Amino acid sequence: GGDEWIGFSARQRVLTFLFAFCEESLAWRSLLLLRVGKCGPLSRAAHV
């Protein structure tokens, strides 16, 4: 939503998203640990 987004390269957009997601995830960390962390990166579990 920021004005700078238009000028970002694709790499910058991915970096910005990942940094922001990890920051936002601190508010959900207990749930992430409980429900996402336990099923692993390759999981296709329905709840994630």
All heavy atoms as atom14 arrays in JSON, in Angstrom:
{
  "sequence": "GGDEWIGFSARQRVLTFLFAFCEESLAWRSLLLLRVGKCGPLSRAAHV",
  "atom14_mask": [
    [1, 1, 1, 1, 0, 0, 0, 0, 0, 0, 0, 0, 0, 0],
    [1, 1, 1, 1, 0, 0, 0, 0, 0, 0, 0, 0, 0, 0],
    [1, 1, 1, 1, 1, 1, 1, 1, 0, 0, 0, 0, 0, 0],
    [1, 1, 1, 1, 1, 1, 1, 1, 1, 0, 0, 0, 0, 0],
    [1, 1, 1, 1, 1, 1, 1, 1, 1, 1, 1, 1, 1, 1],
    [1, 1, 1, 1, 1, 1, 1, 1, 0, 0, 0, 0, 0, 0],
    [1, 1, 1, 1, 0, 0, 0, 0, 0, 0, 0, 0, 0, 0],
    [1, 1, 1, 1, 1, 1, 1, 1, 1, 1, 1, 0, 0, 0],
    [1, 1, 1, 1, 1, 1, 0, 0, 0, 0, 0, 0, 0, 0],
    [1, 1, 1, 1, 1, 0, 0, 0, 0, 0, 0, 0, 0, 0],
    [1, 1, 1, 1, 1, 1, 1, 1, 1, 1, 1, 0, 0, 0],
    [1, 1, 1, 1, 1, 1, 1, 1, 1, 0, 0, 0, 0, 0],
    [1, 1, 1, 1, 1, 1, 1, 1, 1, 1, 1, 0, 0, 0],
    [1, 1, 1, 1, 1, 1, 1, 0, 0, 0, 0, 0, 0, 0],
    [1, 1, 1, 1, 1, 1, 1, 1, 0, 0, 0, 0, 0, 0],
    [1, 1, 1, 1, 1, 1, 1, 0, 0, 0, 0, 0, 0, 0],
    [1, 1, 1, 1, 1, 1, 1, 1, 1, 1, 1, 0, 0, 0],
    [1, 1, 1, 1, 1, 1, 1, 1, 0, 0, 0, 0, 0, 0],
    [1, 1, 1, 1, 1, 1, 1, 1, 1, 1, 1, 0, 0, 0],
    [1, 1, 1, 1, 1, 0, 0, 0, 0, 0, 0, 0, 0, 0],
    [1, 1, 1, 1, 1, 1, 1, 1, 1, 1, 1, 0, 0, 0],
    [1, 1, 1, 1, 1, 1, 0, 0, 0, 0, 0, 0, 0, 0],
    [1, 1, 1, 1, 1, 1, 1, 1, 1, 0, 0, 0, 0, 0],
    [1, 1, 1, 1, 1, 1, 1, 1, 1, 0, 0, 0, 0, 0],
    [1, 1, 1, 1, 1, 1, 0, 0, 0, 0, 0, 0, 0, 0],
    [1, 1, 1, 1, 1, 1, 1, 1, 0, 0, 0, 0, 0, 0],
    [1, 1, 1, 1, 1, 0, 0, 0, 0, 0, 0, 0, 0, 0],
    [1, 1, 1, 1, 1, 1, 1, 1, 1, 1, 1, 1, 1, 1],
    [1, 1, 1, 1, 1, 1, 1, 1, 1, 1, 1, 0, 0, 0],
    [1, 1, 1, 1, 1, 1, 0, 0, 0, 0, 0, 0, 0, 0],
    [1, 1, 1, 1, 1, 1, 1, 1, 0, 0, 0, 0, 0, 0],
    [1, 1, 1, 1, 1, 1, 1, 1, 0, 0, 0, 0, 0, 0],
    [1, 1, 1, 1, 1, 1, 1, 1, 0, 0, 0, 0, 0, 0],
    [1, 1, 1, 1, 1, 1, 1, 1, 0, 0, 0, 0, 0, 0],
    [1, 1, 1, 1, 1, 1, 1, 1, 1, 1, 1, 0, 0, 0],
    [1, 1, 1, 1, 1, 1, 1, 0, 0, 0, 0, 0, 0, 0],
    [1, 1, 1, 1, 0, 0, 0, 0, 0, 0, 0, 0, 0, 0],
    [1, 1, 1, 1, 1, 1, 1, 1, 1, 0, 0, 0, 0, 0],
    [1, 1, 1, 1, 1, 1, 0, 0, 0, 0, 0, 0, 0, 0],
    [1, 1, 1, 1, 0, 0, 0, 0, 0, 0, 0, 0, 0, 0],
    [1, 1, 1, 1, 1, 1, 1, 0, 0, 0, 0, 0, 0, 0],
    [1, 1, 1, 1, 1, 1, 1, 1, 0, 0, 0, 0, 0, 0],
    [1, 1, 1, 1, 1, 1, 0, 0, 0, 0, 0, 0, 0, 0],
    [1, 1, 1, 1, 1, 1, 1, 1, 1, 1, 1, 0, 0, 0],
    [1, 1, 1, 1, 1, 0, 0, 0, 0, 0, 0, 0, 0, 0],
    [1, 1, 1, 1, 1, 0, 0, 0, 0, 0, 0, 0, 0, 0],
    [1, 1, 1, 1, 1, 1, 1, 1, 1, 1, 0, 0, 0, 0],
    [1, 1, 1, 1, 1, 1, 1, 0, 0, 0, 0, 0, 0, 0]
  ],
  "atom14_positions": [
    [[0.79, -1.23, 0.0], [0.0, 0.0, 0.0], [0.83, 1.28, 0.0], [0.29, 2.36, -0.21], [0.0, 0.0, 0.0], [0.0, 0.0, 0.0], [0.0, 0.0, 0.0], [0.0, 0.0, 0.0], [0.0, 0.0, 0.0], [0.0, 0.0, 0.0], [0.0, 0.0, 0.0], [0.0, 0.0, 0.0], [0.0, 0.0, 0.0], [0.0, 0.0, 0.0]],
    [[2.13, 1.16, 0.21], [2.97, 2.35, 0.26], [3.36, 2.85, -1.12], [3.37, 2.09, -2.09], [0.0, 0.0, 0.0], [0.0, 0.0, 0.0], [0.0, 0.0, 0.0], [0.0, 0.0, 0.0], [0.0, 0.0, 0.0], [0.0, 0.0, 0.0], [0.0, 0.0, 0.0], [0.0, 0.0, 0.0], [0.0, 0.0, 0.0], [0.0, 0.0, 0.0]],
    [[3.67, 4.13, -1.2], [4.04, 4.74, -2.48], [5.31, 4.14, -3.06], [5.48, 4.07, -4.28], [4.23, 6.25, -2.31], [2.93, 6.97, -1.95], [1.85, 6.42, -2.26], [3.0, 8.05, -1.36], [0.0, 0.0, 0.0], [0.0, 0.0, 0.0], [0.0, 0.0, 0.0], [0.0, 0.0, 0.0], [0.0, 0.0, 0.0], [0.0, 0.0, 0.0]],
    [[6.2, 3.65, -2.18], [7.48, 3.14, -2.65], [7.35, 1.77, -3.33], [8.26, 1.35, -4.05], [8.48, 3.03, -1.48], [8.14, 1.99, -0.44], [7.12, 2.46, 0.6], [6.54, 3.54, 0.41], [6.93, 1.73, 1.59], [0.0, 0.0, 0.0], [0.0, 0.0, 0.0], [0.0, 0.0, 0.0], [0.0, 0.0, 0.0], [0.0, 0.0, 0.0]],
    [[6.23, 1.1, -3.12], [6.05, -0.25, -3.66], [6.18, -0.29, -5.17], [6.78, -1.22, -5.73], [4.68, -0.79, -3.23], [4.42, -2.22, -3.63], [3.64, -2.67, -4.66], [4.92, -3.39, -2.99], [3.61, -4.04, -4.7], [4.39, -4.51, -3.68], [5.77, -3.61, -1.91], [4.68, -5.82, -3.32], [6.05, -4.92, -1.54], [5.52, -6.01, -2.24]],
    [[5.67, 0.72, -5.84], [5.71, 0.74, -7.31], [7.14, 0.7, -7.82], [7.44, 0.07, -8.84], [4.98, 2.0, -7.85], [3.5, 1.94, -7.47], [5.15, 2.1, -9.36], [2.71, 3.17, -7.89], [0.0, 0.0, 0.0], [0.0, 0.0, 0.0], [0.0, 0.0, 0.0], [0.0, 0.0, 0.0], [0.0, 0.0, 0.0], [0.0, 0.0, 0.0]],
    [[8.05, 1.35, -7.11], [9.43, 1.4, -7.55], [10.28, 0.22, -7.11], [11.44, 0.12, -7.49], [0.0, 0.0, 0.0], [0.0, 0.0, 0.0], [0.0, 0.0, 0.0], [0.0, 0.0, 0.0], [0.0, 0.0, 0.0], [0.0, 0.0, 0.0], [0.0, 0.0, 0.0], [0.0, 0.0, 0.0], [0.0, 0.0, 0.0], [0.0, 0.0, 0.0]],
    [[9.72, -0.67, -6.31], [10.49, -1.81, -5.82], [10.69, -2.85, -6.91], [9.8, -3.13, -7.71], [9.75, -2.49, -4.66], [9.95, -1.83, -3.32], [9.29, -2.31, -2.2], [10.77, -0.72, -3.17], [9.45, -1.72, -0.96], [10.94, -0.11, -1.93], [10.28, -0.62, -0.82], [0.0, 0.0, 0.0], [0.0, 0.0, 0.0], [0.0, 0.0, 0.0]],
    [[11.86, -3.46, -6.93], [12.09, -4.62, -7.78], [11.34, -5.81, -7.19], [10.86, -5.76, -6.05], [13.59, -4.93, -7.84], [14.05, -5.35, -6.55], [0.0, 0.0, 0.0], [0.0, 0.0, 0.0], [0.0, 0.0, 0.0], [0.0, 0.0, 0.0], [0.0, 0.0, 0.0], [0.0, 0.0, 0.0], [0.0, 0.0, 0.0], [0.0, 0.0, 0.0]],
    [[11.25, -6.89, -7.94], [10.6, -8.1, -7.42], [11.33, -8.61, -6.19], [10.7, -9.04, -5.21], [10.55, -9.17, -8.51], [0.0, 0.0, 0.0], [0.0, 0.0, 0.0], [0.0, 0.0, 0.0], [0.0, 0.0, 0.0], [0.0, 0.0, 0.0], [0.0, 0.0, 0.0], [0.0, 0.0, 0.0], [0.0, 0.0, 0.0], [0.0, 0.0, 0.0]],
    [[12.65, -8.58, -6.23], [13.43, -9.03, -5.07], [13.11, -8.18, -3.85], [12.91, -8.73, -2.75], [14.92, -8.95, -5.38], [15.8, -9.45, -4.24], [17.29, -9.27, -4.52], [17.71, -9.97, -5.72], [18.93, -10.46, -5.89], [19.84, -10.34, -4.96], [19.25, -11.06, -7.02], [0.0, 0.0, 0.0], [0.0, 0.0, 0.0], [0.0, 0.0, 0.0]],
    [[13.04, -6.87, -4.02], [12.72, -6.0, -2.89], [11.32, -6.26, -2.36], [11.07, -6.18, -1.15], [12.84, -4.54, -3.32], [14.28, -4.07, -3.54], [14.34, -2.67, -4.14], [13.61, -2.34, -5.08], [15.21, -1.84, -3.58], [0.0, 0.0, 0.0], [0.0, 0.0, 0.0], [0.0, 0.0, 0.0], [0.0, 0.0, 0.0], [0.0, 0.0, 0.0]],
    [[10.4, -6.61, -3.25], [9.03, -6.89, -2.82], [8.97, -8.16, -1.98], [8.27, -8.21, -0.96], [8.11, -6.99, -4.04], [7.93, -5.65, -4.74], [7.0, -5.73, -5.95], [6.92, -4.43, -6.6], [6.08, -4.11, -7.56], [5.22, -5.01, -8.03], [6.08, -2.89, -8.09], [0.0, 0.0, 0.0], [0.0, 0.0, 0.0], [0.0, 0.0, 0.0]],
    [[9.7, -9.17, -2.39], [9.73, -10.41, -1.62], [10.4, -10.17, -0.26], [9.89, -10.62, 0.78], [10.46, -11.53, -2.39], [10.61, -12.77, -1.51], [9.69, -11.88, -3.66], [0.0, 0.0, 0.0], [0.0, 0.0, 0.0], [0.0, 0.0, 0.0], [0.0, 0.0, 0.0], [0.0, 0.0, 0.0], [0.0, 0.0, 0.0], [0.0, 0.0, 0.0]],
    [[11.51, -9.47, -0.26], [12.2, -9.16, 1.0], [11.29, -8.39, 1.95], [11.17, -8.72, 3.13], [13.46, -8.34, 0.73], [14.68, -9.07, 0.19], [15.74, -8.08, -0.27], [15.25, -10.02, 1.24], [0.0, 0.0, 0.0], [0.0, 0.0, 0.0], [0.0, 0.0, 0.0], [0.0, 0.0, 0.0], [0.0, 0.0, 0.0], [0.0, 0.0, 0.0]],
    [[10.63, -7.37, 1.42], [9.75, -6.54, 2.24], [8.63, -7.36, 2.85], [8.31, -7.23, 4.04], [9.16, -5.4, 1.4], [10.22, -4.59, 0.87], [8.25, -4.51, 2.24], [0.0, 0.0, 0.0], [0.0, 0.0, 0.0], [0.0, 0.0, 0.0], [0.0, 0.0, 0.0], [0.0, 0.0, 0.0], [0.0, 0.0, 0.0], [0.0, 0.0, 0.0]],
    [[8.04, -8.23, 2.04], [6.95, -9.07, 2.55], [7.44, -10.0, 3.65], [6.81, -10.13, 4.71], [6.32, -9.89, 1.42], [5.32, -10.89, 1.93], [4.0, -10.52, 2.15], [5.7, -12.19, 2.23], [3.07, -11.43, 2.66], [4.79, -13.11, 2.74], [3.47, -12.72, 2.95], [0.0, 0.0, 0.0], [0.0, 0.0, 0.0], [0.0, 0.0, 0.0]],
    [[8.56, -10.68, 3.42], [9.04, -11.65, 4.39], [9.44, -11.0, 5.72], [9.13, -11.53, 6.8], [10.22, -12.43, 3.82], [9.89, -13.38, 2.67], [11.17, -14.01, 2.1], [8.93, -14.48, 3.12], [0.0, 0.0, 0.0], [0.0, 0.0, 0.0], [0.0, 0.0, 0.0], [0.0, 0.0, 0.0], [0.0, 0.0, 0.0], [0.0, 0.0, 0.0]],
    [[10.1, -9.85, 5.65], [10.44, -9.15, 6.88], [9.16, -8.72, 7.62], [9.06, -8.86, 8.84], [11.3, -7.91, 6.58], [12.73, -8.23, 6.24], [13.34, -7.66, 5.14], [13.47, -9.09, 7.04], [14.66, -7.95, 4.83], [14.79, -9.38, 6.73], [15.38, -8.8, 5.63], [0.0, 0.0, 0.0], [0.0, 0.0, 0.0], [0.0, 0.0, 0.0]],
    [[8.18, -8.2, 6.88], [6.94, -7.76, 7.5], [6.16, -8.94, 8.08], [5.56, -8.82, 9.16], [6.09, -7.01, 6.48], [0.0, 0.0, 0.0], [0.0, 0.0, 0.0], [0.0, 0.0, 0.0], [0.0, 0.0, 0.0], [0.0, 0.0, 0.0], [0.0, 0.0, 0.0], [0.0, 0.0, 0.0], [0.0, 0.0, 0.0], [0.0, 0.0, 0.0]],
    [[6.15, -10.05, 7.36], [5.43, -11.22, 7.85], [6.03, -11.71, 9.16], [5.3, -12.03, 10.12], [5.44, -12.35, 6.82], [4.63, -13.55, 7.24], [3.29, -13.65, 6.9], [5.21, -14.57, 7.99], [2.54, -14.74, 7.31], [4.46, -15.67, 8.4], [3.12, -15.75, 8.06], [0.0, 0.0, 0.0], [0.0, 0.0, 0.0], [0.0, 0.0, 0.0]],
    [[7.35, -11.8, 9.23], [7.99, -12.28, 10.45], [7.73, -11.32, 11.61], [7.55, -11.76, 12.76], [9.49, -12.47, 10.22], [9.89, -13.9, 9.17], [0.0, 0.0, 0.0], [0.0, 0.0, 0.0], [0.0, 0.0, 0.0], [0.0, 0.0, 0.0], [0.0, 0.0, 0.0], [0.0, 0.0, 0.0], [0.0, 0.0, 0.0], [0.0, 0.0, 0.0]],
    [[7.69, -10.04, 11.33], [7.38, -9.06, 12.37], [5.93, -9.23, 12.85], [5.66, -9.27, 14.05], [7.61, -7.64, 11.84], [7.23, -6.54, 12.83], [8.09, -6.54, 14.08], [9.24, -6.99, 14.02], [7.58, -6.09, 15.14], [0.0, 0.0, 0.0], [0.0, 0.0, 0.0], [0.0, 0.0, 0.0], [0.0, 0.0, 0.0], [0.0, 0.0, 0.0]],
    [[5.01, -9.35, 11.92], [3.6, -9.52, 12.27], [3.37, -10.85, 12.99], [2.51, -10.95, 13.87], [2.74, -9.47, 10.99], [1.26, -9.77, 11.18], [0.54, -8.74, 12.04], [1.08, -7.63, 12.24], [-0.57, -9.05, 12.51], [0.0, 0.0, 0.0], [0.0, 0.0, 0.0], [0.0, 0.0, 0.0], [0.0, 0.0, 0.0], [0.0, 0.0, 0.0]],
    [[4.15, -11.85, 12.63], [3.94, -13.18, 13.2], [4.22, -13.24, 14.7], [3.79, -14.18, 15.38], [4.83, -14.21, 12.49], [6.19, -14.1, 12.89], [0.0, 0.0, 0.0], [0.0, 0.0, 0.0], [0.0, 0.0, 0.0], [0.0, 0.0, 0.0], [0.0, 0.0, 0.0], [0.0, 0.0, 0.0], [0.0, 0.0, 0.0], [0.0, 0.0, 0.0]],
    [[4.92, -12.24, 15.24], [5.18, -12.23, 16.68], [3.89, -12.17, 17.47], [3.8, -12.69, 18.59], [6.1, -11.06, 17.05], [7.49, -11.07, 16.42], [8.3, -9.87, 16.89], [8.22, -12.37, 16.73], [0.0, 0.0, 0.0], [0.0, 0.0, 0.0], [0.0, 0.0, 0.0], [0.0, 0.0, 0.0], [0.0, 0.0, 0.0], [0.0, 0.0, 0.0]],
    [[2.86, -11.54, 16.9], [1.57, -11.47, 17.56], [0.82, -12.8, 17.51], [-0.15, -13.01, 18.23], [0.71, -10.37, 16.93], [0.0, 0.0, 0.0], [0.0, 0.0, 0.0], [0.0, 0.0, 0.0], [0.0, 0.0, 0.0], [0.0, 0.0, 0.0], [0.0, 0.0, 0.0], [0.0, 0.0, 0.0], [0.0, 0.0, 0.0], [0.0, 0.0, 0.0]],
    [[1.28, -13.69, 16.62], [0.65, -15.0, 16.42], [1.62, -16.14, 16.72], [1.34, -17.3, 16.39], [0.18, -15.13, 14.97], [-0.93, -14.21, 14.58], [-0.86, -12.85, 14.4], [-2.28, -14.58, 14.3], [-2.08, -12.36, 14.02], [-2.97, -13.39, 13.95], [-2.97, -15.79, 14.29], [-4.32, -13.38, 13.61], [-4.32, -15.77, 13.95], [-4.98, -14.58, 13.62]],
    [[2.74, -15.86, 17.32], [3.81, -16.85, 17.41], [3.38, -18.14, 18.13], [3.75, -19.24, 17.71], [5.03, -16.24, 18.09], [6.28, -17.14, 17.97], [7.52, -16.4, 18.45], [8.71, -17.25, 18.39], [9.46, -17.43, 17.31], [9.15, -16.81, 16.18], [10.52, -18.21, 17.34], [0.0, 0.0, 0.0], [0.0, 0.0, 0.0], [0.0, 0.0, 0.0]],
    [[2.61, -18.01, 19.2], [2.19, -19.21, 19.91], [1.34, -20.11, 19.02], [1.48, -21.34, 19.04], [1.42, -18.85, 21.18], [0.24, -18.11, 20.87], [0.0, 0.0, 0.0], [0.0, 0.0, 0.0], [0.0, 0.0, 0.0], [0.0, 0.0, 0.0], [0.0, 0.0, 0.0], [0.0, 0.0, 0.0], [0.0, 0.0, 0.0], [0.0, 0.0, 0.0]],
    [[0.48, -19.51, 18.2], [-0.35, -20.29, 17.28], [0.48, -20.88, 16.15], [0.26, -22.01, 15.73], [-1.47, -19.44, 16.7], [-2.77, -19.32, 17.5], [-3.82, -18.55, 16.72], [-3.32, -20.7, 17.86], [0.0, 0.0, 0.0], [0.0, 0.0, 0.0], [0.0, 0.0, 0.0], [0.0, 0.0, 0.0], [0.0, 0.0, 0.0], [0.0, 0.0, 0.0]],
    [[1.42, -20.11, 15.65], [2.29, -20.61, 14.59], [3.1, -21.81, 15.09], [3.24, -22.82, 14.39], [3.23, -19.5, 14.1], [2.65, -18.51, 13.11], [3.53, -17.28, 13.0], [2.47, -19.15, 11.74], [0.0, 0.0, 0.0], [0.0, 0.0, 0.0], [0.0, 0.0, 0.0], [0.0, 0.0, 0.0], [0.0, 0.0, 0.0], [0.0, 0.0, 0.0]],
    [[3.64, -21.7, 16.29], [4.4, -22.81, 16.86], [3.52, -24.05, 17.02], [3.93, -25.17, 16.72], [4.97, -22.4, 18.21], [6.18, -21.46, 18.18], [6.4, -20.83, 19.55], [7.43, -22.22, 17.74], [0.0, 0.0, 0.0], [0.0, 0.0, 0.0], [0.0, 0.0, 0.0], [0.0, 0.0, 0.0], [0.0, 0.0, 0.0], [0.0, 0.0, 0.0]],
    [[2.32, -23.82, 17.48], [1.4, -24.92, 17.76], [0.87, -25.59, 16.5], [0.82, -26.82, 16.4], [0.22, -24.39, 18.59], [-0.91, -25.37, 18.9], [-0.42, -26.45, 19.87], [-2.1, -24.63, 19.5], [0.0, 0.0, 0.0], [0.0, 0.0, 0.0], [0.0, 0.0, 0.0], [0.0, 0.0, 0.0], [0.0, 0.0, 0.0], [0.0, 0.0, 0.0]],
    [[0.51, -24.78, 15.49], [-0.27, -25.31, 14.37], [0.5, -25.37, 13.04], [0.18, -26.16, 12.18], [-1.53, -24.47, 14.18], [-2.41, -24.4, 15.41], [-2.96, -25.75, 15.78], [-3.94, -26.19, 14.79], [-4.4, -27.42, 14.69], [-3.94, -28.36, 15.5], [-5.3, -27.73, 13.77], [0.0, 0.0, 0.0], [0.0, 0.0, 0.0], [0.0, 0.0, 0.0]],
    [[1.5, -24.5, 12.87], [2.27, -24.48, 11.63], [3.63, -25.13, 11.83], [4.07, -25.94, 11.01], [2.41, -23.04, 11.09], [3.27, -23.03, 9.82], [1.04, -22.43, 10.82], [0.0, 0.0, 0.0], [0.0, 0.0, 0.0], [0.0, 0.0, 0.0], [0.0, 0.0, 0.0], [0.0, 0.0, 0.0], [0.0, 0.0, 0.0], [0.0, 0.0, 0.0]],
    [[4.29, -24.77, 12.92], [5.63, -25.31, 13.17], [5.67, -26.81, 13.27], [6.67, -27.44, 12.9], [0.0, 0.0, 0.0], [0.0, 0.0, 0.0], [0.0, 0.0, 0.0], [0.0, 0.0, 0.0], [0.0, 0.0, 0.0], [0.0, 0.0, 0.0], [0.0, 0.0, 0.0], [0.0, 0.0, 0.0], [0.0, 0.0, 0.0], [0.0, 0.0, 0.0]],
    [[4.61, -27.42, 13.75], [4.6, -28.86, 13.96], [4.32, -29.67, 12.69], [4.47, -30.88, 12.7], [3.57, -29.23, 15.04], [3.97, -28.76, 16.43], [2.97, -29.21, 17.49], [3.41, -28.78, 18.88], [2.46, -29.21, 19.93], [0.0, 0.0, 0.0], [0.0, 0.0, 0.0], [0.0, 0.0, 0.0], [0.0, 0.0, 0.0], [0.0, 0.0, 0.0]],
    [[3.88, -29.0, 11.63], [3.55, -29.77, 10.42], [4.6, -29.64, 9.32], [4.49, -30.28, 8.28], [2.16, -29.42, 9.9], [1.93, -27.72, 9.4], [0.0, 0.0, 0.0], [0.0, 0.0, 0.0], [0.0, 0.0, 0.0], [0.0, 0.0, 0.0], [0.0, 0.0, 0.0], [0.0, 0.0, 0.0], [0.0, 0.0, 0.0], [0.0, 0.0, 0.0]],
    [[5.62, -28.81, 9.52], [6.75, -28.79, 8.6], [6.5, -28.07, 7.29], [5.37, -27.94, 6.84], [0.0, 0.0, 0.0], [0.0, 0.0, 0.0], [0.0, 0.0, 0.0], [0.0, 0.0, 0.0], [0.0, 0.0, 0.0], [0.0, 0.0, 0.0], [0.0, 0.0, 0.0], [0.0, 0.0, 0.0], [0.0, 0.0, 0.0], [0.0, 0.0, 0.0]],
    [[7.59, -27.6, 6.66], [7.48, -26.81, 5.41], [6.84, -27.55, 4.25], [6.23, -26.93, 3.39], [8.94, -26.46, 5.09], [9.65, -26.53, 6.4], [8.97, -27.65, 7.15], [0.0, 0.0, 0.0], [0.0, 0.0, 0.0], [0.0, 0.0, 0.0], [0.0, 0.0, 0.0], [0.0, 0.0, 0.0], [0.0, 0.0, 0.0], [0.0, 0.0, 0.0]],
    [[6.96, -28.87, 4.2], [6.44, -29.63, 3.06], [5.0, -30.09, 3.29], [4.41, -30.72, 2.41], [7.32, -30.84, 2.78], [8.76, -30.53, 2.36], [9.54, -31.83, 2.16], [8.79, -29.71, 1.07], [0.0, 0.0, 0.0], [0.0, 0.0, 0.0], [0.0, 0.0, 0.0], [0.0, 0.0, 0.0], [0.0, 0.0, 0.0], [0.0, 0.0, 0.0]],
    [[4.44, -29.79, 4.44], [3.1, -30.27, 4.75], [2.03, -29.62, 3.88], [2.12, -28.44, 3.55], [2.77, -29.99, 6.22], [1.43, -30.3, 6.51], [0.0, 0.0, 0.0], [0.0, 0.0, 0.0], [0.0, 0.0, 0.0], [0.0, 0.0, 0.0], [0.0, 0.0, 0.0], [0.0, 0.0, 0.0], [0.0, 0.0, 0.0], [0.0, 0.0, 0.0]],
    [[1.05, -30.42, 3.51], [-0.12, -29.9, 2.8], [-1.37, -30.09, 3.66], [-2.47, -30.3, 3.15], [-0.29, -30.63, 1.45], [0.73, -30.21, 0.39], [0.59, -28.72, 0.07], [1.31, -28.31, -1.11], [2.57, -27.89, -1.13], [3.25, -27.85, -0.01], [3.15, -27.54, -2.26], [0.0, 0.0, 0.0], [0.0, 0.0, 0.0], [0.0, 0.0, 0.0]],
    [[-1.18, -30.01, 4.98], [-2.3, -30.18, 5.9], [-3.39, -29.15, 5.6], [-3.11, -27.99, 5.29], [-1.81, -30.02, 7.34], [0.0, 0.0, 0.0], [0.0, 0.0, 0.0], [0.0, 0.0, 0.0], [0.0, 0.0, 0.0], [0.0, 0.0, 0.0], [0.0, 0.0, 0.0], [0.0, 0.0, 0.0], [0.0, 0.0, 0.0], [0.0, 0.0, 0.0]],
    [[-4.64, -29.6, 5.71], [-5.77, -28.74, 5.33], [-5.84, -27.47, 6.16], [-6.24, -26.41, 5.65], [-7.07, -29.54, 5.47], [0.0, 0.0, 0.0], [0.0, 0.0, 0.0], [0.0, 0.0, 0.0], [0.0, 0.0, 0.0], [0.0, 0.0, 0.0], [0.0, 0.0, 0.0], [0.0, 0.0, 0.0], [0.0, 0.0, 0.0], [0.0, 0.0, 0.0]],
    [[-5.44, -27.53, 7.42], [-5.61, -26.36, 8.28], [-4.62, -25.24, 7.96], [-4.8, -24.11, 8.43], [-5.53, -26.74, 9.76], [-4.17, -27.16, 10.23], [-3.69, -28.44, 10.08], [-3.19, -26.47, 10.86], [-2.48, -28.52, 10.59], [-2.14, -27.34, 11.07], [0.0, 0.0, 0.0], [0.0, 0.0, 0.0], [0.0, 0.0, 0.0], [0.0, 0.0, 0.0]],
    [[-3.56, -25.53, 7.18], [-2.62, -24.47, 6.79], [-2.73, -24.12, 5.3], [-1.89, -23.39, 4.78], [-1.16, -24.84, 7.15], [-1.0, -24.98, 8.65], [-0.73, -26.1, 6.43], [0.0, 0.0, 0.0], [0.0, 0.0, 0.0], [0.0, 0.0, 0.0], [0.0, 0.0, 0.0], [0.0, 0.0, 0.0], [0.0, 0.0, 0.0], [0.0, 0.0, 0.0]]
  ]
}
